[in-house]
Amino acid sequence: VLGCMMLEKQGNSLYLGMLTVSPDLQG
């Protein structure tokens, strides 16, 4: 596992959080 992202349905929108990429692979 080298990256992740949380998506939460909140009514009419989608909350995007915890977008993560391993520090060695960023960019």
mmCIF file of all heavy atoms, coordinates in Angstrom:
data_MODEL
# 
_entry.id   MODEL 
# 
loop_
_atom_site.group_PDB 
_atom_site.id 
_atom_site.type_symbol 
_atom_site.label_atom_id 
_atom_site.label_alt_id 
_atom_site.label_comp_id 
_atom_site.label_asym_id 
_atom_site.label_entity_id 
_atom_site.label_seq_id 
_atom_site.pdbx_PDB_ins_code 
_atom_site.Cartn_x 
_atom_site.Cartn_y 
_atom_site.Cartn_z 
_atom_site.occupancy 
_atom_site.B_iso_or_equiv 
_atom_site.pdbx_formal_charge 
_atom_site.auth_seq_id 
_atom_site.auth_comp_id 
_atom_site.auth_asym_id 
_atom_site.auth_atom_id 
_atom_site.pdbx_PDB_model_num 
ATOM 1   N N   . VAL A 1 1  ? 0.853   -1.179 0.000  1.00 0.00 ? 1  VAL A N   1 
ATOM 2   C CA  . VAL A 1 1  ? 0.000   0.000  0.000  1.00 0.00 ? 1  VAL A CA  1 
ATOM 3   C C   . VAL A 1 1  ? 0.894   1.235  0.000  1.00 0.00 ? 1  VAL A C   1 
ATOM 4   O O   . VAL A 1 1  ? 1.653   1.466  0.933  1.00 0.00 ? 1  VAL A O   1 
ATOM 5   C CB  . VAL A 1 1  ? -0.946  0.007  1.225  1.00 0.00 ? 1  VAL A CB  1 
ATOM 6   C CG1 . VAL A 1 1  ? -1.792  1.276  1.228  1.00 0.00 ? 1  VAL A CG1 1 
ATOM 7   C CG2 . VAL A 1 1  ? -1.844  -1.224 1.228  1.00 0.00 ? 1  VAL A CG2 1 
ATOM 8   N N   . LEU A 1 2  ? 0.792   2.022  -1.070 1.00 0.00 ? 2  LEU A N   1 
ATOM 9   C CA  . LEU A 1 2  ? 1.667   3.181  -1.253 1.00 0.00 ? 2  LEU A CA  1 
ATOM 10  C C   . LEU A 1 2  ? 0.908   4.506  -1.288 1.00 0.00 ? 2  LEU A C   1 
ATOM 11  O O   . LEU A 1 2  ? 1.511   5.568  -1.370 1.00 0.00 ? 2  LEU A O   1 
ATOM 12  C CB  . LEU A 1 2  ? 2.480   3.019  -2.537 1.00 0.00 ? 2  LEU A CB  1 
ATOM 13  C CG  . LEU A 1 2  ? 3.375   1.773  -2.585 1.00 0.00 ? 2  LEU A CG  1 
ATOM 14  C CD1 . LEU A 1 2  ? 3.955   1.584  -3.970 1.00 0.00 ? 2  LEU A CD1 1 
ATOM 15  C CD2 . LEU A 1 2  ? 4.457   1.850  -1.531 1.00 0.00 ? 2  LEU A CD2 1 
ATOM 16  N N   . GLY A 1 3  ? -0.413  4.423  -1.225 1.00 0.00 ? 3  GLY A N   1 
ATOM 17  C CA  . GLY A 1 3  ? -1.224  5.629  -1.220 1.00 0.00 ? 3  GLY A CA  1 
ATOM 18  C C   . GLY A 1 3  ? -2.635  5.314  -0.784 1.00 0.00 ? 3  GLY A C   1 
ATOM 19  O O   . GLY A 1 3  ? -3.062  4.152  -0.831 1.00 0.00 ? 3  GLY A O   1 
ATOM 20  N N   . CYS A 1 4  ? -3.364  6.349  -0.338 1.00 0.00 ? 4  CYS A N   1 
ATOM 21  C CA  . CYS A 1 4  ? -4.763  6.160  0.033  1.00 0.00 ? 4  CYS A CA  1 
ATOM 22  C C   . CYS A 1 4  ? -5.503  7.497  -0.011 1.00 0.00 ? 4  CYS A C   1 
ATOM 23  O O   . CYS A 1 4  ? -4.889  8.559  -0.088 1.00 0.00 ? 4  CYS A O   1 
ATOM 24  C CB  . CYS A 1 4  ? -4.895  5.518  1.408  1.00 0.00 ? 4  CYS A CB  1 
ATOM 25  S SG  . CYS A 1 4  ? -4.374  6.554  2.793  1.00 0.00 ? 4  CYS A SG  1 
ATOM 26  N N   . MET A 1 5  ? -6.822  7.383  0.030  1.00 0.00 ? 5  MET A N   1 
ATOM 27  C CA  . MET A 1 5  ? -7.694  8.557  0.030  1.00 0.00 ? 5  MET A CA  1 
ATOM 28  C C   . MET A 1 5  ? -9.036  8.147  0.611  1.00 0.00 ? 5  MET A C   1 
ATOM 29  O O   . MET A 1 5  ? -9.534  7.068  0.319  1.00 0.00 ? 5  MET A O   1 
ATOM 30  C CB  . MET A 1 5  ? -7.874  9.044  -1.407 1.00 0.00 ? 5  MET A CB  1 
ATOM 31  C CG  . MET A 1 5  ? -8.942  10.075 -1.632 1.00 0.00 ? 5  MET A CG  1 
ATOM 32  S SD  . MET A 1 5  ? -9.093  10.570 -3.367 1.00 0.00 ? 5  MET A SD  1 
ATOM 33  C CE  . MET A 1 5  ? -9.616  9.057  -4.154 1.00 0.00 ? 5  MET A CE  1 
ATOM 34  N N   . MET A 1 6  ? -9.613  9.015  1.428  1.00 0.00 ? 6  MET A N   1 
ATOM 35  C CA  . MET A 1 6  ? -10.931 8.777  1.989  1.00 0.00 ? 6  MET A CA  1 
ATOM 36  C C   . MET A 1 6  ? -11.959 9.609  1.237  1.00 0.00 ? 6  MET A C   1 
ATOM 37  O O   . MET A 1 6  ? -11.726 10.791 0.959  1.00 0.00 ? 6  MET A O   1 
ATOM 38  C CB  . MET A 1 6  ? -10.955 9.167  3.468  1.00 0.00 ? 6  MET A CB  1 
ATOM 39  C CG  . MET A 1 6  ? -12.305 8.888  4.120  1.00 0.00 ? 6  MET A CG  1 
ATOM 40  S SD  . MET A 1 6  ? -12.650 9.911  5.559  1.00 0.00 ? 6  MET A SD  1 
ATOM 41  C CE  . MET A 1 6  ? -12.785 11.539 4.863  1.00 0.00 ? 6  MET A CE  1 
ATOM 42  N N   . LEU A 1 7  ? -13.085 8.989  0.918  1.00 0.00 ? 7  LEU A N   1 
ATOM 43  C CA  . LEU A 1 7  ? -14.193 9.671  0.275  1.00 0.00 ? 7  LEU A CA  1 
ATOM 44  C C   . LEU A 1 7  ? -15.435 9.437  1.117  1.00 0.00 ? 7  LEU A C   1 
ATOM 45  O O   . LEU A 1 7  ? -15.759 8.298  1.456  1.00 0.00 ? 7  LEU A O   1 
ATOM 46  C CB  . LEU A 1 7  ? -14.418 9.123  -1.139 1.00 0.00 ? 7  LEU A CB  1 
ATOM 47  C CG  . LEU A 1 7  ? -13.245 9.253  -2.099 1.00 0.00 ? 7  LEU A CG  1 
ATOM 48  C CD1 . LEU A 1 7  ? -13.522 8.498  -3.384 1.00 0.00 ? 7  LEU A CD1 1 
ATOM 49  C CD2 . LEU A 1 7  ? -12.929 10.710 -2.376 1.00 0.00 ? 7  LEU A CD2 1 
ATOM 50  N N   . GLU A 1 8  ? -16.126 10.524 1.474  1.00 0.00 ? 8  GLU A N   1 
ATOM 51  C CA  . GLU A 1 8  ? -17.333 10.398 2.287  1.00 0.00 ? 8  GLU A CA  1 
ATOM 52  C C   . GLU A 1 8  ? -18.475 11.160 1.635  1.00 0.00 ? 8  GLU A C   1 
ATOM 53  O O   . GLU A 1 8  ? -18.367 12.371 1.384  1.00 0.00 ? 8  GLU A O   1 
ATOM 54  C CB  . GLU A 1 8  ? -17.085 10.952 3.693  1.00 0.00 ? 8  GLU A CB  1 
ATOM 55  C CG  . GLU A 1 8  ? -18.281 10.825 4.598  1.00 0.00 ? 8  GLU A CG  1 
ATOM 56  C CD  . GLU A 1 8  ? -18.030 11.355 5.996  1.00 0.00 ? 8  GLU A CD  1 
ATOM 57  O OE1 . GLU A 1 8  ? -16.938 11.888 6.275  1.00 0.00 ? 8  GLU A OE1 1 
ATOM 58  O OE2 . GLU A 1 8  ? -18.955 11.232 6.821  1.00 0.00 ? 8  GLU A OE2 1 
ATOM 59  N N   . LYS A 1 9  ? -19.555 10.452 1.357  1.00 0.00 ? 9  LYS A N   1 
ATOM 60  C CA  . LYS A 1 9  ? -20.746 11.100 0.818  1.00 0.00 ? 9  LYS A CA  1 
ATOM 61  C C   . LYS A 1 9  ? -21.362 11.946 1.917  1.00 0.00 ? 9  LYS A C   1 
ATOM 62  O O   . LYS A 1 9  ? -21.614 11.456 3.015  1.00 0.00 ? 9  LYS A O   1 
ATOM 63  C CB  . LYS A 1 9  ? -21.744 10.050 0.339  1.00 0.00 ? 9  LYS A CB  1 
ATOM 64  C CG  . LYS A 1 9  ? -21.259 9.209  -0.810 1.00 0.00 ? 9  LYS A CG  1 
ATOM 65  C CD  . LYS A 1 9  ? -22.289 8.145  -1.154 1.00 0.00 ? 9  LYS A CD  1 
ATOM 66  C CE  . LYS A 1 9  ? -21.685 7.063  -2.011 1.00 0.00 ? 9  LYS A CE  1 
ATOM 67  N NZ  . LYS A 1 9  ? -22.620 5.935  -2.210 1.00 0.00 ? 9  LYS A NZ  1 
ATOM 68  N N   . GLN A 1 10 ? -21.568 13.220 1.599  1.00 0.00 ? 10 GLN A N   1 
ATOM 69  C CA  . GLN A 1 10 ? -22.184 14.154 2.548  1.00 0.00 ? 10 GLN A CA  1 
ATOM 70  C C   . GLN A 1 10 ? -23.273 14.916 1.807  1.00 0.00 ? 10 GLN A C   1 
ATOM 71  O O   . GLN A 1 10 ? -23.016 15.973 1.228  1.00 0.00 ? 10 GLN A O   1 
ATOM 72  C CB  . GLN A 1 10 ? -21.146 15.119 3.126  1.00 0.00 ? 10 GLN A CB  1 
ATOM 73  C CG  . GLN A 1 10 ? -20.067 14.456 3.948  1.00 0.00 ? 10 GLN A CG  1 
ATOM 74  C CD  . GLN A 1 10 ? -19.042 15.442 4.499  1.00 0.00 ? 10 GLN A CD  1 
ATOM 75  O OE1 . GLN A 1 10 ? -18.881 16.546 4.001  1.00 0.00 ? 10 GLN A OE1 1 
ATOM 76  N NE2 . GLN A 1 10 ? -18.327 15.015 5.522  1.00 0.00 ? 10 GLN A NE2 1 
ATOM 77  N N   . GLY A 1 11 ? -24.454 14.353 1.795  1.00 0.00 ? 11 GLY A N   1 
ATOM 78  C CA  . GLY A 1 11 ? -25.554 14.978 1.064  1.00 0.00 ? 11 GLY A CA  1 
ATOM 79  C C   . GLY A 1 11 ? -25.269 14.997 -0.421 1.00 0.00 ? 11 GLY A C   1 
ATOM 80  O O   . GLY A 1 11 ? -25.026 13.965 -1.033 1.00 0.00 ? 11 GLY A O   1 
ATOM 81  N N   . ASN A 1 12 ? -25.262 16.219 -1.006 1.00 0.00 ? 12 ASN A N   1 
ATOM 82  C CA  . ASN A 1 12 ? -25.032 16.371 -2.445 1.00 0.00 ? 12 ASN A CA  1 
ATOM 83  C C   . ASN A 1 12 ? -23.564 16.497 -2.806 1.00 0.00 ? 12 ASN A C   1 
ATOM 84  O O   . ASN A 1 12 ? -23.242 16.785 -3.957 1.00 0.00 ? 12 ASN A O   1 
ATOM 85  C CB  . ASN A 1 12 ? -25.767 17.621 -2.956 1.00 0.00 ? 12 ASN A CB  1 
ATOM 86  C CG  . ASN A 1 12 ? -27.253 17.513 -2.786 1.00 0.00 ? 12 ASN A CG  1 
ATOM 87  O OD1 . ASN A 1 12 ? -27.787 16.435 -2.540 1.00 0.00 ? 12 ASN A OD1 1 
ATOM 88  N ND2 . ASN A 1 12 ? -27.946 18.632 -2.915 1.00 0.00 ? 12 ASN A ND2 1 
ATOM 89  N N   . SER A 1 13 ? -22.670 16.341 -1.827 1.00 0.00 ? 13 SER A N   1 
ATOM 90  C CA  . SER A 1 13 ? -21.245 16.491 -2.121 1.00 0.00 ? 13 SER A CA  1 
ATOM 91  C C   . SER A 1 13 ? -20.467 15.278 -1.620 1.00 0.00 ? 13 SER A C   1 
ATOM 92  O O   . SER A 1 13 ? -20.971 14.461 -0.862 1.00 0.00 ? 13 SER A O   1 
ATOM 93  C CB  . SER A 1 13 ? -20.701 17.787 -1.527 1.00 0.00 ? 13 SER A CB  1 
ATOM 94  O OG  . SER A 1 13 ? -20.838 17.792 -0.132 1.00 0.00 ? 13 SER A OG  1 
ATOM 95  N N   . LEU A 1 14 ? -19.241 15.206 -2.076 1.00 0.00 ? 14 LEU A N   1 
ATOM 96  C CA  . LEU A 1 14 ? -18.320 14.140 -1.697 1.00 0.00 ? 14 LEU A CA  1 
ATOM 97  C C   . LEU A 1 14 ? -17.138 14.796 -1.000 1.00 0.00 ? 14 LEU A C   1 
ATOM 98  O O   . LEU A 1 14 ? -16.460 15.643 -1.587 1.00 0.00 ? 14 LEU A O   1 
ATOM 99  C CB  . LEU A 1 14 ? -17.842 13.397 -2.952 1.00 0.00 ? 14 LEU A CB  1 
ATOM 100 C CG  . LEU A 1 14 ? -16.915 12.206 -2.733 1.00 0.00 ? 14 LEU A CG  1 
ATOM 101 C CD1 . LEU A 1 14 ? -17.649 11.066 -2.020 1.00 0.00 ? 14 LEU A CD1 1 
ATOM 102 C CD2 . LEU A 1 14 ? -16.375 11.708 -4.072 1.00 0.00 ? 14 LEU A CD2 1 
ATOM 103 N N   . TYR A 1 15 ? -16.919 14.436 0.270  1.00 0.00 ? 15 TYR A N   1 
ATOM 104 C CA  . TYR A 1 15 ? -15.782 14.978 1.004  1.00 0.00 ? 15 TYR A CA  1 
ATOM 105 C C   . TYR A 1 15 ? -14.560 14.114 0.718  1.00 0.00 ? 15 TYR A C   1 
ATOM 106 O O   . TYR A 1 15 ? -14.593 12.893 0.880  1.00 0.00 ? 15 TYR A O   1 
ATOM 107 C CB  . TYR A 1 15 ? -16.062 15.020 2.511  1.00 0.00 ? 15 TYR A CB  1 
ATOM 108 C CG  . TYR A 1 15 ? -14.892 15.585 3.276  1.00 0.00 ? 15 TYR A CG  1 
ATOM 109 C CD1 . TYR A 1 15 ? -14.681 16.956 3.317  1.00 0.00 ? 15 TYR A CD1 1 
ATOM 110 C CD2 . TYR A 1 15 ? -13.977 14.752 3.899  1.00 0.00 ? 15 TYR A CD2 1 
ATOM 111 C CE1 . TYR A 1 15 ? -13.588 17.488 3.986  1.00 0.00 ? 15 TYR A CE1 1 
ATOM 112 C CE2 . TYR A 1 15 ? -12.879 15.274 4.571  1.00 0.00 ? 15 TYR A CE2 1 
ATOM 113 C CZ  . TYR A 1 15 ? -12.690 16.643 4.615  1.00 0.00 ? 15 TYR A CZ  1 
ATOM 114 O OH  . TYR A 1 15 ? -11.602 17.165 5.266  1.00 0.00 ? 15 TYR A OH  1 
ATOM 115 N N   . LEU A 1 16 ? -13.481 14.750 0.275  1.00 0.00 ? 16 LEU A N   1 
ATOM 116 C CA  . LEU A 1 16 ? -12.218 14.068 -0.010 1.00 0.00 ? 16 LEU A CA  1 
ATOM 117 C C   . LEU A 1 16 ? -11.251 14.405 1.117  1.00 0.00 ? 16 LEU A C   1 
ATOM 118 O O   . LEU A 1 16 ? -11.002 15.570 1.392  1.00 0.00 ? 16 LEU A O   1 
ATOM 119 C CB  . LEU A 1 16 ? -11.671 14.549 -1.359 1.00 0.00 ? 16 LEU A CB  1 
ATOM 120 C CG  . LEU A 1 16 ? -10.437 13.861 -1.927 1.00 0.00 ? 16 LEU A CG  1 
ATOM 121 C CD1 . LEU A 1 16 ? -10.367 14.091 -3.424 1.00 0.00 ? 16 LEU A CD1 1 
ATOM 122 C CD2 . LEU A 1 16 ? -9.152  14.294 -1.271 1.00 0.00 ? 16 LEU A CD2 1 
ATOM 123 N N   . GLY A 1 17 ? -10.716 13.392 1.771  1.00 0.00 ? 17 GLY A N   1 
ATOM 124 C CA  . GLY A 1 17 ? -9.775  13.606 2.849  1.00 0.00 ? 17 GLY A CA  1 
ATOM 125 C C   . GLY A 1 17 ? -8.692  12.551 2.873  1.00 0.00 ? 17 GLY A C   1 
ATOM 126 O O   . GLY A 1 17 ? -8.754  11.548 2.158  1.00 0.00 ? 17 GLY A O   1 
ATOM 127 N N   . MET A 1 18 ? -7.696  12.785 3.681  1.00 0.00 ? 18 MET A N   1 
ATOM 128 C CA  . MET A 1 18 ? -6.621  11.827 3.939  1.00 0.00 ? 18 MET A CA  1 
ATOM 129 C C   . MET A 1 18 ? -5.927  11.362 2.648  1.00 0.00 ? 18 MET A C   1 
ATOM 130 O O   . MET A 1 18 ? -5.475  10.224 2.545  1.00 0.00 ? 18 MET A O   1 
ATOM 131 C CB  . MET A 1 18 ? -7.160  10.629 4.729  1.00 0.00 ? 18 MET A CB  1 
ATOM 132 C CG  . MET A 1 18 ? -6.121  9.917  5.546  1.00 0.00 ? 18 MET A CG  1 
ATOM 133 S SD  . MET A 1 18 ? -6.834  8.737  6.738  1.00 0.00 ? 18 MET A SD  1 
ATOM 134 C CE  . MET A 1 18 ? -7.519  7.479  5.672  1.00 0.00 ? 18 MET A CE  1 
ATOM 135 N N   . LEU A 1 19 ? -5.834  12.256 1.669  1.00 0.00 ? 19 LEU A N   1 
ATOM 136 C CA  . LEU A 1 19 ? -5.105  11.908 0.447  1.00 0.00 ? 19 LEU A CA  1 
ATOM 137 C C   . LEU A 1 19 ? -3.632  11.771 0.814  1.00 0.00 ? 19 LEU A C   1 
ATOM 138 O O   . LEU A 1 19 ? -3.008  12.718 1.287  1.00 0.00 ? 19 LEU A O   1 
ATOM 139 C CB  . LEU A 1 19 ? -5.297  12.979 -0.629 1.00 0.00 ? 19 LEU A CB  1 
ATOM 140 C CG  . LEU A 1 19 ? -4.547  12.785 -1.937 1.00 0.00 ? 19 LEU A CG  1 
ATOM 141 C CD1 . LEU A 1 19 ? -4.845  11.447 -2.578 1.00 0.00 ? 19 LEU A CD1 1 
ATOM 142 C CD2 . LEU A 1 19 ? -4.887  13.896 -2.905 1.00 0.00 ? 19 LEU A CD2 1 
ATOM 143 N N   . THR A 1 20 ? -3.111  10.577 0.630  1.00 0.00 ? 20 THR A N   1 
ATOM 144 C CA  . THR A 1 20 ? -1.766  10.249 1.101  1.00 0.00 ? 20 THR A CA  1 
ATOM 145 C C   . THR A 1 20 ? -1.005  9.491  0.031  1.00 0.00 ? 20 THR A C   1 
ATOM 146 O O   . THR A 1 20 ? -1.536  8.560  -0.565 1.00 0.00 ? 20 THR A O   1 
ATOM 147 C CB  . THR A 1 20 ? -1.852  9.336  2.347  1.00 0.00 ? 20 THR A CB  1 
ATOM 148 O OG1 . THR A 1 20 ? -2.695  9.941  3.322  1.00 0.00 ? 20 THR A OG1 1 
ATOM 149 C CG2 . THR A 1 20 ? -0.485  9.064  2.934  1.00 0.00 ? 20 THR A CG2 1 
ATOM 150 N N   . VAL A 1 21 ? 0.246   9.884  -0.171 1.00 0.00 ? 21 VAL A N   1 
ATOM 151 C CA  . VAL A 1 21 ? 1.164   9.146  -1.041 1.00 0.00 ? 21 VAL A CA  1 
ATOM 152 C C   . VAL A 1 21 ? 2.457   8.964  -0.270 1.00 0.00 ? 21 VAL A C   1 
ATOM 153 O O   . VAL A 1 21 ? 2.927   9.893  0.393  1.00 0.00 ? 21 VAL A O   1 
ATOM 154 C CB  . VAL A 1 21 ? 1.418   9.893  -2.377 1.00 0.00 ? 21 VAL A CB  1 
ATOM 155 C CG1 . VAL A 1 21 ? 2.448   9.168  -3.224 1.00 0.00 ? 21 VAL A CG1 1 
ATOM 156 C CG2 . VAL A 1 21 ? 0.111   10.069 -3.149 1.00 0.00 ? 21 VAL A CG2 1 
ATOM 157 N N   . SER A 1 22 ? 3.026   7.780  -0.348 1.00 0.00 ? 22 SER A N   1 
ATOM 158 C CA  . SER A 1 22 ? 4.294   7.509  0.324  1.00 0.00 ? 22 SER A CA  1 
ATOM 159 C C   . SER A 1 22 ? 5.292   8.622  0.010  1.00 0.00 ? 22 SER A C   1 
ATOM 160 O O   . SER A 1 22 ? 5.425   9.026  -1.151 1.00 0.00 ? 22 SER A O   1 
ATOM 161 C CB  . SER A 1 22 ? 4.848   6.163  -0.154 1.00 0.00 ? 22 SER A CB  1 
ATOM 162 O OG  . SER A 1 22 ? 6.172   5.992  0.289  1.00 0.00 ? 22 SER A OG  1 
ATOM 163 N N   . PRO A 1 23 ? 5.999   9.146  1.021  1.00 0.00 ? 23 PRO A N   1 
ATOM 164 C CA  . PRO A 1 23 ? 6.950   10.231 0.780  1.00 0.00 ? 23 PRO A CA  1 
ATOM 165 C C   . PRO A 1 23 ? 7.975   9.917  -0.317 1.00 0.00 ? 23 PRO A C   1 
ATOM 166 O O   . PRO A 1 23 ? 8.377   10.811 -1.053 1.00 0.00 ? 23 PRO A O   1 
ATOM 167 C CB  . PRO A 1 23 ? 7.641   10.420 2.135  1.00 0.00 ? 23 PRO A CB  1 
ATOM 168 C CG  . PRO A 1 23 ? 6.639   9.955  3.126  1.00 0.00 ? 23 PRO A CG  1 
ATOM 169 C CD  . PRO A 1 23 ? 5.914   8.813  2.459  1.00 0.00 ? 23 PRO A CD  1 
ATOM 170 N N   . ASP A 1 24 ? 8.357   8.668  -0.461 1.00 0.00 ? 24 ASP A N   1 
ATOM 171 C CA  . ASP A 1 24 ? 9.333   8.287  -1.484 1.00 0.00 ? 24 ASP A CA  1 
ATOM 172 C C   . ASP A 1 24 ? 8.769   8.334  -2.894 1.00 0.00 ? 24 ASP A C   1 
ATOM 173 O O   . ASP A 1 24 ? 9.531   8.312  -3.862 1.00 0.00 ? 24 ASP A O   1 
ATOM 174 C CB  . ASP A 1 24 ? 9.868   6.876  -1.203 1.00 0.00 ? 24 ASP A CB  1 
ATOM 175 C CG  . ASP A 1 24 ? 10.672  6.813  0.087  1.00 0.00 ? 24 ASP A CG  1 
ATOM 176 O OD1 . ASP A 1 24 ? 11.339  7.814  0.434  1.00 0.00 ? 24 ASP A OD1 1 
ATOM 177 O OD2 . ASP A 1 24 ? 10.622  5.761  0.760  1.00 0.00 ? 24 ASP A OD2 1 
ATOM 178 N N   . LEU A 1 25 ? 7.439   8.377  -3.030 1.00 0.00 ? 25 LEU A N   1 
ATOM 179 C CA  . LEU A 1 25 ? 6.811   8.347  -4.358 1.00 0.00 ? 25 LEU A CA  1 
ATOM 180 C C   . LEU A 1 25 ? 6.078   9.630  -4.720 1.00 0.00 ? 25 LEU A C   1 
ATOM 181 O O   . LEU A 1 25 ? 5.469   9.711  -5.779 1.00 0.00 ? 25 LEU A O   1 
ATOM 182 C CB  . LEU A 1 25 ? 5.840   7.165  -4.441 1.00 0.00 ? 25 LEU A CB  1 
ATOM 183 C CG  . LEU A 1 25 ? 6.481   5.785  -4.333 1.00 0.00 ? 25 LEU A CG  1 
ATOM 184 C CD1 . LEU A 1 25 ? 5.418   4.702  -4.302 1.00 0.00 ? 25 LEU A CD1 1 
ATOM 185 C CD2 . LEU A 1 25 ? 7.435   5.547  -5.490 1.00 0.00 ? 25 LEU A CD2 1 
ATOM 186 N N   . GLN A 1 26 ? 6.129   10.633 -3.845 1.00 0.00 ? 26 GLN A N   1 
ATOM 187 C CA  . GLN A 1 26 ? 5.431   11.879 -4.145 1.00 0.00 ? 26 GLN A CA  1 
ATOM 188 C C   . GLN A 1 26 ? 6.061   12.549 -5.371 1.00 0.00 ? 26 GLN A C   1 
ATOM 189 O O   . GLN A 1 26 ? 7.255   12.463 -5.587 1.00 0.00 ? 26 GLN A O   1 
ATOM 190 C CB  . GLN A 1 26 ? 5.467   12.802 -2.922 1.00 0.00 ? 26 GLN A CB  1 
ATOM 191 C CG  . GLN A 1 26 ? 4.607   12.253 -1.803 1.00 0.00 ? 26 GLN A CG  1 
ATOM 192 C CD  . GLN A 1 26 ? 4.647   13.092 -0.554 1.00 0.00 ? 26 GLN A CD  1 
ATOM 193 O OE1 . GLN A 1 26 ? 5.113   14.221 -0.546 1.00 0.00 ? 26 GLN A OE1 1 
ATOM 194 N NE2 . GLN A 1 26 ? 4.127   12.533 0.533  1.00 0.00 ? 26 GLN A NE2 1 
ATOM 195 N N   . GLY A 1 27 ? 5.202   13.159 -6.169 1.00 0.00 ? 27 GLY A N   1 
ATOM 196 C CA  . GLY A 1 27 ? 5.669   13.820 -7.386 1.00 0.00 ? 27 GLY A CA  1 
ATOM 197 C C   . GLY A 1 27 ? 5.682   12.905 -8.598 1.00 0.00 ? 27 GLY A C   1 
ATOM 198 O O   . GLY A 1 27 ? 6.131   13.296 -9.668 1.00 0.00 ? 27 GLY A O   1 
# 
